[in-house]
Amino acid sequence: MSRTEFVVATAIILFVAFCLGWFANWLVHRFTRVAAGDVAELDRMSQELHEAEETRDQAITYLQQREAELTNQLNQTEAELRAAMDGLRDARHETEEMRRYIESVNQA
């Protein structure tokens, strides 16, 4: 094989390799290309996700407010209960004192 034949054979091999690489690249891009419908679907899904996150944030805010209201109401109710129990304890004590007084007056 002469030098010219070797150069031509090498050029042909490189050209064929280039063509095969270009064709493989074209095939890869052809099969991995995203369709317009898929892009629209992704846009719709991202919008729905955004709306769902906003709804979740609103729900969390509402629940935190509601929890604060209920905690406040519970604290008020507990304070009223303590006051009522103190009043009941005082009334029982007063009743017991009145009972002792009446017994002592009746015995005398």
PDB file of N, CA and C in Angstrom:
ATOM      1  N   MET A   1       0.854  -1.156   0.000  1.00  0.00           N
ATOM      2  CA  MET A   1       0.000   0.000   0.000  1.00  0.00           C
ATOM      3  C   MET A   1       0.903   1.222   0.000  1.00  0.00           C
ATOM      4  N   SER A   2       0.645   2.084  -0.970  1.00  0.00           N
ATOM      5  CA  SER A   2       1.477   3.281  -1.092  1.00  0.00           C
ATOM      6  C   SER A   2       0.985   4.341  -0.123  1.00  0.00           C
ATOM      7  N   ARG A   3       1.772   5.364  -0.037  1.00  0.00           N
ATOM      8  CA  ARG A   3       1.453   6.442   0.888  1.00  0.00           C
ATOM      9  C   ARG A   3       0.152   7.119   0.493  1.00  0.00           C
ATOM     10  N   THR A   4      -0.104   7.345  -0.768  1.00  0.00           N
ATOM     11  CA  THR A   4      -1.319   7.994  -1.245  1.00  0.00           C
ATOM     12  C   THR A   4      -2.535   7.132  -0.929  1.00  0.00           C
ATOM     13  N   GLU A   5      -2.419   5.838  -1.162  1.00  0.00           N
ATOM     14  CA  GLU A   5      -3.529   4.945  -0.859  1.00  0.00           C
ATOM     15  C   GLU A   5      -3.836   4.952   0.636  1.00  0.00           C
ATOM     16  N   PHE A   6      -2.792   4.997   1.454  1.00  0.00           N
ATOM     17  CA  PHE A   6      -2.981   5.030   2.902  1.00  0.00           C
ATOM     18  C   PHE A   6      -3.698   6.308   3.331  1.00  0.00           C
ATOM     19  N   VAL A   7      -3.326   7.441   2.750  1.00  0.00           N
ATOM     20  CA  VAL A   7      -3.957   8.721   3.089  1.00  0.00           C
ATOM     21  C   VAL A   7      -5.411   8.705   2.656  1.00  0.00           C
ATOM     22  N   VAL A   8      -5.699   8.196   1.465  1.00  0.00           N
ATOM     23  CA  VAL A   8      -7.078   8.136   0.970  1.00  0.00           C
ATOM     24  C   VAL A   8      -7.903   7.190   1.843  1.00  0.00           C
ATOM     25  N   ALA A   9      -7.372   6.042   2.194  1.00  0.00           N
ATOM     26  CA  ALA A   9      -8.098   5.084   3.030  1.00  0.00           C
ATOM     27  C   ALA A   9      -8.373   5.689   4.404  1.00  0.00           C
ATOM     28  N   THR A  10      -7.384   6.376   4.968  1.00  0.00           N
ATOM     29  CA  THR A  10      -7.567   7.021   6.265  1.00  0.00           C
ATOM     30  C   THR A  10      -8.621   8.120   6.169  1.00  0.00           C
ATOM     31  N   ALA A  11      -8.600   8.888   5.081  1.00  0.00           N
ATOM     32  CA  ALA A  11      -9.589   9.953   4.895  1.00  0.00           C
ATOM     33  C   ALA A  11     -10.989   9.366   4.766  1.00  0.00           C
ATOM     34  N   ILE A  12     -11.110   8.274   4.045  1.00  0.00           N
ATOM     35  CA  ILE A  12     -12.423   7.636   3.888  1.00  0.00           C
ATOM     36  C   ILE A  12     -12.918   7.101   5.244  1.00  0.00           C
ATOM     37  N   ILE A  13     -12.027   6.470   5.999  1.00  0.00           N
ATOM     38  CA  ILE A  13     -12.405   5.927   7.306  1.00  0.00           C
ATOM     39  C   ILE A  13     -12.839   7.064   8.236  1.00  0.00           C
ATOM     40  N   LEU A  14     -12.074   8.159   8.240  1.00  0.00           N
ATOM     41  CA  LEU A  14     -12.444   9.294   9.085  1.00  0.00           C
ATOM     42  C   LEU A  14     -13.755   9.928   8.646  1.00  0.00           C
ATOM     43  N   PHE A  15     -13.985   9.999   7.324  1.00  0.00           N
ATOM     44  CA  PHE A  15     -15.231  10.565   6.824  1.00  0.00           C
ATOM     45  C   PHE A  15     -16.415   9.685   7.220  1.00  0.00           C
ATOM     46  N   VAL A  16     -16.245   8.355   7.084  1.00  0.00           N
ATOM     47  CA  VAL A  16     -17.310   7.427   7.479  1.00  0.00           C
ATOM     48  C   VAL A  16     -17.565   7.535   8.990  1.00  0.00           C
ATOM     49  N   ALA A  17     -16.513   7.649   9.804  1.00  0.00           N
ATOM     50  CA  ALA A  17     -16.677   7.800  11.250  1.00  0.00           C
ATOM     51  C   ALA A  17     -17.409   9.102  11.565  1.00  0.00           C
ATOM     52  N   PHE A  18     -17.047  10.177  10.848  1.00  0.00           N
ATOM     53  CA  PHE A  18     -17.733  11.455  11.034  1.00  0.00           C
ATOM     54  C   PHE A  18     -19.216  11.322  10.695  1.00  0.00           C
ATOM     55  N   CYS A  19     -19.523  10.683   9.566  1.00  0.00           N
ATOM     56  CA  CYS A  19     -20.924  10.514   9.153  1.00  0.00           C
ATOM     57  C   CYS A  19     -21.698   9.671  10.171  1.00  0.00           C
ATOM     58  N   LEU A  20     -21.093   8.602  10.662  1.00  0.00           N
ATOM     59  CA  LEU A  20     -21.755   7.767  11.663  1.00  0.00           C
ATOM     60  C   LEU A  20     -21.991   8.553  12.958  1.00  0.00           C
ATOM     61  N   GLY A  21     -21.029   9.343  13.369  1.00  0.00           N
ATOM     62  CA  GLY A  21     -21.196  10.163  14.567  1.00  0.00           C
ATOM     63  C   GLY A  21     -22.285  11.196  14.394  1.00  0.00           C
ATOM     64  N   TRP A  22     -22.296  11.837  13.237  1.00  0.00           N
ATOM     65  CA  TRP A  22     -23.342  12.832  12.979  1.00  0.00           C
ATOM     66  C   TRP A  22     -24.711  12.178  12.975  1.00  0.00           C
ATOM     67  N   PHE A  23     -24.829  11.016  12.340  1.00  0.00           N
ATOM     68  CA  PHE A  23     -26.103  10.300  12.280  1.00  0.00           C
ATOM     69  C   PHE A  23     -26.549   9.867  13.682  1.00  0.00           C
ATOM     70  N   ALA A  24     -25.623   9.381  14.491  1.00  0.00           N
ATOM     71  CA  ALA A  24     -25.954   8.977  15.858  1.00  0.00           C
ATOM     72  C   ALA A  24     -26.426  10.194  16.667  1.00  0.00           C
ATOM     73  N   ASN A  25     -25.750  11.310  16.495  1.00  0.00           N
ATOM     74  CA  ASN A  25     -26.158  12.539  17.178  1.00  0.00           C
ATOM     75  C   ASN A  25     -27.559  12.958  16.743  1.00  0.00           C
ATOM     76  N   TRP A  26     -27.835  12.878  15.461  1.00  0.00           N
ATOM     77  CA  TRP A  26     -29.163  13.236  14.939  1.00  0.00           C
ATOM     78  C   TRP A  26     -30.241  12.323  15.532  1.00  0.00           C
ATOM     79  N   LEU A  27     -29.931  11.002  15.602  1.00  0.00           N
ATOM     80  CA  LEU A  27     -30.883  10.054  16.176  1.00  0.00           C
ATOM     81  C   LEU A  27     -31.152  10.349  17.653  1.00  0.00           C
ATOM     82  N   VAL A  28     -30.106  10.624  18.387  1.00  0.00           N
ATOM     83  CA  VAL A  28     -30.276  10.908  19.819  1.00  0.00           C
ATOM     84  C   VAL A  28     -31.149  12.137  20.004  1.00  0.00           C
ATOM     85  N   HIS A  29     -30.872  13.205  19.273  1.00  0.00           N
ATOM     86  CA  HIS A  29     -31.678  14.412  19.396  1.00  0.00           C
ATOM     87  C   HIS A  29     -33.099  14.202  18.884  1.00  0.00           C
ATOM     88  N   ARG A  30     -33.267  13.369  17.916  1.00  0.00           N
ATOM     89  CA  ARG A  30     -34.592  13.091  17.360  1.00  0.00           C
ATOM     90  C   ARG A  30     -35.472  12.386  18.396  1.00  0.00           C
ATOM     91  N   PHE A  31     -34.905  11.418  19.121  1.00  0.00           N
ATOM     92  CA  PHE A  31     -35.686  10.638  20.072  1.00  0.00           C
ATOM     93  C   PHE A  31     -35.800  11.301  21.443  1.00  0.00           C
ATOM     94  N   THR A  32     -34.904  12.208  21.755  1.00  0.00           N
ATOM     95  CA  THR A  32     -34.957  12.866  23.060  1.00  0.00           C
ATOM     96  C   THR A  32     -35.601  14.240  22.989  1.00  0.00           C
ATOM     97  N   ARG A  33     -36.049  14.644  21.844  1.00  0.00           N
ATOM     98  CA  ARG A  33     -36.670  15.957  21.708  1.00  0.00           C
ATOM     99  C   ARG A  33     -37.992  15.967  22.473  1.00  0.00           C
ATOM    100  N   VAL A  34     -38.245  17.056  23.184  1.00  0.00           N
ATOM    101  CA  VAL A  34     -39.471  17.194  23.964  1.00  0.00           C
ATOM    102  C   VAL A  34     -40.549  17.780  23.059  1.00  0.00           C
ATOM    103  N   ALA A  35     -41.693  17.128  23.049  1.00  0.00           N
ATOM    104  CA  ALA A  35     -42.805  17.593  22.223  1.00  0.00           C
ATOM    105  C   ALA A  35     -43.445  18.824  22.866  1.00  0.00           C
ATOM    106  N   ALA A  36     -44.104  19.629  22.061  1.00  0.00           N
ATOM    107  CA  ALA A  36     -44.757  20.837  22.560  1.00  0.00           C
ATOM    108  C   ALA A  36     -45.868  20.490  23.553  1.00  0.00           C
ATOM    109  N   GLY A  37     -46.545  19.401  23.309  1.00  0.00           N
ATOM    110  CA  GLY A  37     -47.593  18.958  24.231  1.00  0.00           C
ATOM    111  C   GLY A  37     -47.023  18.609  25.599  1.00  0.00           C
ATOM    112  N   ASP A  38     -45.837  18.006  25.593  1.00  0.00           N
ATOM    113  CA  ASP A  38     -45.195  17.678  26.871  1.00  0.00           C
ATOM    114  C   ASP A  38     -44.796  18.942  27.620  1.00  0.00           C
ATOM    115  N   VAL A  39     -44.315  19.936  26.910  1.00  0.00           N
ATOM    116  CA  VAL A  39     -43.943  21.202  27.547  1.00  0.00           C
ATOM    117  C   VAL A  39     -45.180  21.865  28.136  1.00  0.00           C
ATOM    118  N   ALA A  40     -46.282  21.847  27.409  1.00  0.00           N
ATOM    119  CA  ALA A  40     -47.523  22.425  27.916  1.00  0.00           C
ATOM    120  C   ALA A  40     -47.998  21.666  29.155  1.00  0.00           C
ATOM    121  N   GLU A  41     -47.868  20.355  29.115  1.00  0.00           N
ATOM    122  CA  GLU A  41     -48.249  19.538  30.267  1.00  0.00           C
ATOM    123  C   GLU A  41     -47.379  19.867  31.482  1.00  0.00           C
ATOM    124  N   LEU A  42     -46.075  20.035  31.266  1.00  0.00           N
ATOM    125  CA  LEU A  42     -45.184  20.402  32.363  1.00  0.00           C
ATOM    126  C   LEU A  42     -45.524  21.779  32.916  1.00  0.00           C
ATOM    127  N   ASP A  43     -45.865  22.723  32.042  1.00  0.00           N
ATOM    128  CA  ASP A  43     -46.266  24.050  32.500  1.00  0.00           C
ATOM    129  C   ASP A  43     -47.538  23.976  33.347  1.00  0.00           C
ATOM    130  N   ARG A  44     -48.494  23.185  32.897  1.00  0.00           N
ATOM    131  CA  ARG A  44     -49.750  23.035  33.634  1.00  0.00           C
ATOM    132  C   ARG A  44     -49.497  22.388  34.994  1.00  0.00           C
ATOM    133  N   MET A  45     -48.657  21.360  35.014  1.00  0.00           N
ATOM    134  CA  MET A  45     -48.352  20.687  36.268  1.00  0.00           C
ATOM    135  C   MET A  45     -47.620  21.619  37.234  1.00  0.00           C
ATOM    136  N   SER A  46     -46.715  22.431  36.716  1.00  0.00           N
ATOM    137  CA  SER A  46     -46.007  23.357  37.601  1.00  0.00           C
ATOM    138  C   SER A  46     -46.953  24.411  38.152  1.00  0.00           C
ATOM    139  N   GLN A  47     -47.904  24.864  37.345  1.00  0.00           N
ATOM    140  CA  GLN A  47     -48.894  25.830  37.824  1.00  0.00           C
ATOM    141  C   GLN A  47     -49.770  25.200  38.911  1.00  0.00           C
ATOM    142  N   GLU A  48     -50.207  23.970  38.704  1.00  0.00           N
ATOM    143  CA  GLU A  48     -51.011  23.276  39.707  1.00  0.00           C
ATOM    144  C   GLU A  48     -50.226  23.063  40.997  1.00  0.00           C
ATOM    145  N   LEU A  49     -48.950  22.731  40.866  1.00  0.00           N
ATOM    146  CA  LEU A  49     -48.102  22.556  42.042  1.00  0.00           C
ATOM    147  C   LEU A  49     -47.977  23.868  42.804  1.00  0.00           C
ATOM    148  N   HIS A  50     -47.796  24.954  42.080  1.00  0.00           N
ATOM    149  CA  HIS A  50     -47.699  26.268  42.711  1.00  0.00           C
ATOM    150  C   HIS A  50     -48.993  26.606  43.459  1.00  0.00           C
ATOM    151  N   GLU A  51     -50.130  26.354  42.826  1.00  0.00           N
ATOM    152  CA  GLU A  51     -51.421  26.611  43.469  1.00  0.00           C
ATOM    153  C   GLU A  51     -51.613  25.729  44.705  1.00  0.00           C
ATOM    154  N   ALA A  52     -51.183  24.471  44.611  1.00  0.00           N
ATOM    155  CA  ALA A  52     -51.303  23.562  45.754  1.00  0.00           C
ATOM    156  C   ALA A  52     -50.427  24.031  46.916  1.00  0.00           C
ATOM    157  N   GLU A  53     -49.236  24.525  46.601  1.00  0.00           N
ATOM    158  CA  GLU A  53     -48.367  25.042  47.659  1.00  0.00           C
ATOM    159  C   GLU A  53     -48.975  26.271  48.313  1.00  0.00           C
ATOM    160  N   GLU A  54     -49.578  27.143  47.520  1.00  0.00           N
ATOM    161  CA  GLU A  54     -50.233  28.324  48.084  1.00  0.00           C
ATOM    162  C   GLU A  54     -51.406  27.915  48.981  1.00  0.00           C
ATOM    163  N   THR A  55     -52.182  26.943  48.536  1.00  0.00           N
ATOM    164  CA  THR A  55     -53.305  26.456  49.333  1.00  0.00           C
ATOM    165  C   THR A  55     -52.804  25.848  50.639  1.00  0.00           C
ATOM    166  N   ARG A  56     -51.717  25.070  50.557  1.00  0.00           N
ATOM    167  CA  ARG A  56     -51.132  24.479  51.755  1.00  0.00           C
ATOM    168  C   ARG A  56     -50.662  25.566  52.723  1.00  0.00           C
ATOM    169  N   ASP A  57     -50.006  26.601  52.193  1.00  0.00           N
ATOM    170  CA  ASP A  57     -49.544  27.698  53.051  1.00  0.00           C
ATOM    171  C   ASP A  57     -50.712  28.410  53.716  1.00  0.00           C
ATOM    172  N   GLN A  58     -51.793  28.614  52.962  1.00  0.00           N
ATOM    173  CA  GLN A  58     -52.980  29.251  53.542  1.00  0.00           C
ATOM    174  C   GLN A  58     -53.587  28.370  54.627  1.00  0.00           C
ATOM    175  N   ALA A  59     -53.632  27.068  54.386  1.00  0.00           N
ATOM    176  CA  ALA A  59     -54.183  26.138  55.375  1.00  0.00           C
ATOM    177  C   ALA A  59     -53.327  26.138  56.640  1.00  0.00           C
ATOM    178  N   ILE A  60     -52.021  26.163  56.477  1.00  0.00           N
ATOM    179  CA  ILE A  60     -51.128  26.192  57.642  1.00  0.00           C
ATOM    180  C   ILE A  60     -51.341  27.468  58.437  1.00  0.00           C
ATOM    181  N   THR A  61     -51.457  28.593  57.738  1.00  0.00           N
ATOM    182  CA  THR A  61     -51.692  29.865  58.409  1.00  0.00           C
ATOM    183  C   THR A  61     -53.019  29.840  59.162  1.00  0.00           C
ATOM    184  N   TYR A  62     -54.070  29.330  58.517  1.00  0.00           N
ATOM    185  CA  TYR A  62     -55.378  29.239  59.162  1.00  0.00           C
ATOM    186  C   TYR A  62     -55.302  28.358  60.405  1.00  0.00           C
ATOM    187  N   LEU A  63     -54.633  27.211  60.284  1.00  0.00           N
ATOM    188  CA  LEU A  63     -54.539  26.299  61.420  1.00  0.00           C
ATOM    189  C   LEU A  63     -53.748  26.922  62.568  1.00  0.00           C
ATOM    190  N   GLN A  64     -52.711  27.678  62.240  1.00  0.00           N
ATOM    191  CA  GLN A  64     -51.945  28.336  63.303  1.00  0.00           C
ATOM    192  C   GLN A  64     -52.801  29.390  64.010  1.00  0.00           C
ATOM    193  N   GLN A  65     -53.566  30.154  63.238  1.00  0.00           N
ATOM    194  CA  GLN A  65     -54.451  31.146  63.843  1.00  0.00           C
ATOM    195  C   GLN A  65     -55.513  30.466  64.706  1.00  0.00           C
ATOM    196  N   ARG A  66     -56.087  29.410  64.185  1.00  0.00           N
ATOM    197  CA  ARG A  66     -57.135  28.689  64.913  1.00  0.00           C
ATOM    198  C   ARG A  66     -56.568  28.075  66.196  1.00  0.00           C
ATOM    199  N   GLU A  67     -55.358  27.527  66.101  1.00  0.00           N
ATOM    200  CA  GLU A  67     -54.726  26.957  67.280  1.00  0.00           C
ATOM    201  C   GLU A  67     -54.476  28.037  68.334  1.00  0.00           C
ATOM    202  N   ALA A  68     -54.050  29.218  67.902  1.00  0.00           N
ATOM    203  CA  ALA A  68     -53.830  30.318  68.852  1.00  0.00           C
ATOM    204  C   ALA A  68     -55.142  30.726  69.510  1.00  0.00           C
ATOM    205  N   GLU A  69     -56.222  30.812  68.716  1.00  0.00           N
ATOM    206  CA  GLU A  69     -57.533  31.157  69.275  1.00  0.00           C
ATOM    207  C   GLU A  69     -57.993  30.120  70.293  1.00  0.00           C
ATOM    208  N   LEU A  70     -57.845  28.838  69.940  1.00  0.00           N
ATOM    209  CA  LEU A  70     -58.287  27.771  70.841  1.00  0.00           C
ATOM    210  C   LEU A  70     -57.432  27.717  72.101  1.00  0.00           C
ATOM    211  N   THR A  71     -56.146  27.973  71.969  1.00  0.00           N
ATOM    212  CA  THR A  71     -55.272  28.004  73.141  1.00  0.00           C
ATOM    213  C   THR A  71     -55.677  29.134  74.068  1.00  0.00           C
ATOM    214  N   ASN A  72     -55.970  30.285  73.485  1.00  0.00           N
ATOM    215  CA  ASN A  72     -56.415  31.421  74.275  1.00  0.00           C
ATOM    216  C   ASN A  72     -57.736  31.100  74.982  1.00  0.00           C
ATOM    217  N   GLN A  73     -58.665  30.508  74.247  1.00  0.00           N
ATOM    218  CA  GLN A  73     -59.954  30.145  74.827  1.00  0.00           C
ATOM    219  C   GLN A  73     -59.774  29.114  75.937  1.00  0.00           C
ATOM    220  N   LEU A  74     -58.887  28.150  75.734  1.00  0.00           N
ATOM    221  CA  LEU A  74     -58.623  27.139  76.755  1.00  0.00           C
ATOM    222  C   LEU A  74     -58.035  27.784  78.007  1.00  0.00           C
ATOM    223  N   ASN A  75     -57.117  28.715  77.828  1.00  0.00           N
ATOM    224  CA  ASN A  75     -56.533  29.399  78.980  1.00  0.00           C
ATOM    225  C   ASN A  75     -57.590  30.188  79.747  1.00  0.00           C
ATOM    226  N   GLN A  76     -58.479  30.840  79.024  1.00  0.00           N
ATOM    227  CA  GLN A  76     -59.558  31.587  79.678  1.00  0.00           C
ATOM    228  C   GLN A  76     -60.493  30.647  80.438  1.00  0.00           C
ATOM    229  N   THR A  77     -60.819  29.527  79.819  1.00  0.00           N
ATOM    230  CA  THR A  77     -61.708  28.556  80.457  1.00  0.00           C
ATOM    231  C   THR A  77     -61.058  27.980  81.711  1.00  0.00           C
ATOM    232  N   GLU A  78     -59.764  27.681  81.622  1.00  0.00           N
ATOM    233  CA  GLU A  78     -59.064  27.157  82.795  1.00  0.00           C
ATOM    234  C   GLU A  78     -59.030  28.200  83.911  1.00  0.00           C
ATOM    235  N   ALA A  79     -58.849  29.466  83.567  1.00  0.00           N
ATOM    236  CA  ALA A  79     -58.851  30.523  84.581  1.00  0.00           C
ATOM    237  C   ALA A  79     -60.233  30.630  85.224  1.00  0.00           C
ATOM    238  N   GLU A  80     -61.279  30.552  84.407  1.00  0.00           N
ATOM    239  CA  GLU A  80     -62.635  30.590  84.950  1.00  0.00           C
ATOM    240  C   GLU A  80     -62.897  29.389  85.844  1.00  0.00           C
ATOM    241  N   LEU A  81     -62.410  28.218  85.454  1.00  0.00           N
ATOM    242  CA  LEU A  81     -62.577  27.012  86.258  1.00  0.00           C
ATOM    243  C   LEU A  81     -61.870  27.158  87.602  1.00  0.00           C
ATOM    244  N   ARG A  82     -60.640  27.681  87.581  1.00  0.00           N
ATOM    245  CA  ARG A  82     -59.920  27.893  88.839  1.00  0.00           C
ATOM    246  C   ARG A  82     -60.681  28.861  89.734  1.00  0.00           C
ATOM    247  N   ALA A  83     -61.212  29.931  89.134  1.00  0.00           N
ATOM    248  CA  ALA A  83     -61.975  30.896  89.928  1.00  0.00           C
ATOM    249  C   ALA A  83     -63.227  30.244  90.505  1.00  0.00           C
ATOM    250  N   ALA A  84     -63.903  29.431  89.710  1.00  0.00           N
ATOM    251  CA  ALA A  84     -65.111  28.751  90.199  1.00  0.00           C
ATOM    252  C   ALA A  84     -64.766  27.770  91.306  1.00  0.00           C
ATOM    253  N   MET A  85     -63.666  27.042  91.144  1.00  0.00           N
ATOM    254  CA  MET A  85     -63.264  26.091  92.179  1.00  0.00           C
ATOM    255  C   MET A  85     -62.883  26.821  93.464  1.00  0.00           C
ATOM    256  N   ASP A  86     -62.200  27.948  93.333  1.00  0.00           N
ATOM    257  CA  ASP A  86     -61.876  28.741  94.525  1.00  0.00           C
ATOM    258  C   ASP A  86     -63.147  29.232  95.202  1.00  0.00           C
ATOM    259  N   GLY A  87     -64.093  29.704  94.413  1.00  0.00           N
ATOM    260  CA  GLY A  87     -65.373  30.149  94.959  1.00  0.00           C
ATOM    261  C   GLY A  87     -66.112  29.022  95.641  1.00  0.00           C
ATOM    262  N   LEU A  88     -66.109  27.843  95.029  1.00  0.00           N
ATOM    263  CA  LEU A  88     -66.763  26.679  95.624  1.00  0.00           C
ATOM    264  C   LEU A  88     -66.077  26.271  96.927  1.00  0.00           C
ATOM    265  N   ARG A  89     -64.752  26.302  96.935  1.00  0.00           N
ATOM    266  CA  ARG A  89     -64.011  25.970  98.144  1.00  0.00           C
ATOM    267  C   ARG A  89     -64.359  26.965  99.257  1.00  0.00           C
ATOM    268  N   ASP A  90     -64.410  28.245  98.912  1.00  0.00           N
ATOM    269  CA  ASP A  90     -64.777  29.260  99.916  1.00  0.00           C
ATOM    270  C   ASP A  90     -66.205  29.058 100.407  1.00  0.00           C
ATOM    271  N   ALA A  91     -67.112  28.719  99.476  1.00  0.00           N
ATOM    272  CA  ALA A  91     -68.511  28.498  99.867  1.00  0.00           C
ATOM    273  C   ALA A  91     -68.630  27.295 100.777  1.00  0.00           C
ATOM    274  N   ARG A  92     -67.895  26.209 100.504  1.00  0.00           N
ATOM    275  CA  ARG A  92     -67.915  25.026 101.361  1.00  0.00           C
ATOM    276  C   ARG A  92     -67.354  25.357 102.745  1.00  0.00           C
ATOM    277  N   HIS A  93     -66.292  26.113 102.742  1.00  0.00           N
ATOM    278  CA  HIS A  93     -65.700  26.500 104.014  1.00  0.00           C
ATOM    279  C   HIS A  93     -66.690  27.350 104.825  1.00  0.00           C
ATOM    280  N   GLU A  94     -67.319  28.294 104.159  1.00  0.00           N
ATOM    281  CA  GLU A  94     -68.312  29.156 104.827  1.00  0.00           C
ATOM    282  C   GLU A  94     -69.500  28.331 105.316  1.00  0.00           C
ATOM    283  N   THR A  95     -69.937  27.367 104.487  1.00  0.00           N
ATOM    284  CA  THR A  95     -71.043  26.500 104.888  1.00  0.00           C
ATOM    285  C   THR A  95     -70.665  25.691 106.112  1.00  0.00           C
ATOM    286  N   GLU A  96     -69.450  25.166 106.130  1.00  0.00           N
ATOM    287  CA  GLU A  96     -68.995  24.398 107.287  1.00  0.00           C
ATOM    288  C   GLU A  96     -68.950  25.274 108.534  1.00  0.00           C
ATOM    289  N   GLU A  97     -68.501  26.496 108.397  1.00  0.00           N
ATOM    290  CA  GLU A  97     -68.478  27.416 109.540  1.00  0.00           C
ATOM    291  C   GLU A  97     -69.897  27.708 110.031  1.00  0.00           C
ATOM    292  N   MET A  98     -70.827  27.908 109.092  1.00  0.00           N
ATOM    293  CA  MET A  98     -72.224  28.168 109.472  1.00  0.00           C
ATOM    294  C   MET A  98     -72.817  26.951 110.180  1.00  0.00           C
ATOM    295  N   ARG A  99     -72.491  25.761 109.698  1.00  0.00           N
ATOM    296  CA  ARG A  99     -72.997  24.530 110.303  1.00  0.00           C
ATOM    297  C   ARG A  99     -72.474  24.412 111.735  1.00  0.00           C
ATOM    298  N   ARG A 100     -71.193  24.685 111.939  1.00  0.00           N
ATOM    299  CA  ARG A 100     -70.620  24.637 113.291  1.00  0.00           C
ATOM    300  C   ARG A 100     -71.277  25.675 114.195  1.00  0.00           C
ATOM    301  N   TYR A 101     -71.497  26.862 113.648  1.00  0.00           N
ATOM    302  CA  TYR A 101     -72.132  27.927 114.439  1.00  0.00           C
ATOM    303  C   TYR A 101     -73.553  27.535 114.856  1.00  0.00           C
ATOM    304  N   ILE A 102     -74.317  26.976 113.880  1.00  0.00           N
ATOM    305  CA  ILE A 102     -75.690  26.564 114.186  1.00  0.00           C
ATOM    306  C   ILE A 102     -75.681  25.440 115.198  1.00  0.00           C
ATOM    307  N   GLU A 103     -74.777  24.479 115.091  1.00  0.00           N
ATOM    308  CA  GLU A 103     -74.694  23.391 116.062  1.00  0.00           C
ATOM    309  C   GLU A 103     -74.346  23.906 117.446  1.00  0.00           C
ATOM    310  N   SER A 104     -73.423  24.881 117.476  1.00  0.00           N
ATOM    311  CA  SER A 104     -73.049  25.438 118.784  1.00  0.00           C
ATOM    312  C   SER A 104     -74.178  26.241 119.395  1.00  0.00           C
ATOM    313  N   VAL A 105     -74.982  26.936 118.574  1.00  0.00           N
ATOM    314  CA  VAL A 105     -76.115  27.688 119.088  1.00  0.00           C
ATOM    315  C   VAL A 105     -77.198  26.716 119.553  1.00  0.00           C
ATOM    316  N   ASN A 106     -77.441  25.651 118.854  1.00  0.00           N
ATOM    317  CA  ASN A 106     -78.445  24.664 119.218  1.00  0.00           C
ATOM    318  C   ASN A 106     -78.056  23.912 120.482  1.00  0.00           C
ATOM    319  N   GLN A 107     -76.805  23.702 120.725  1.00  0.00           N
ATOM    320  CA  GLN A 107     -76.355  22.974 121.921  1.00  0.00           C
ATOM    321  C   GLN A 107     -76.392  23.861 123.162  1.00  0.00           C
ATOM    322  N   ALA A 108     -76.332  25.148 122.954  1.00  0.00           N
ATOM    323  CA  ALA A 108     -76.302  26.039 124.123  1.00  0.00           C
ATOM    324  C   ALA A 108     -77.646  26.347 124.688  1.00  0.00           C
TER     325      ALA A 108
END
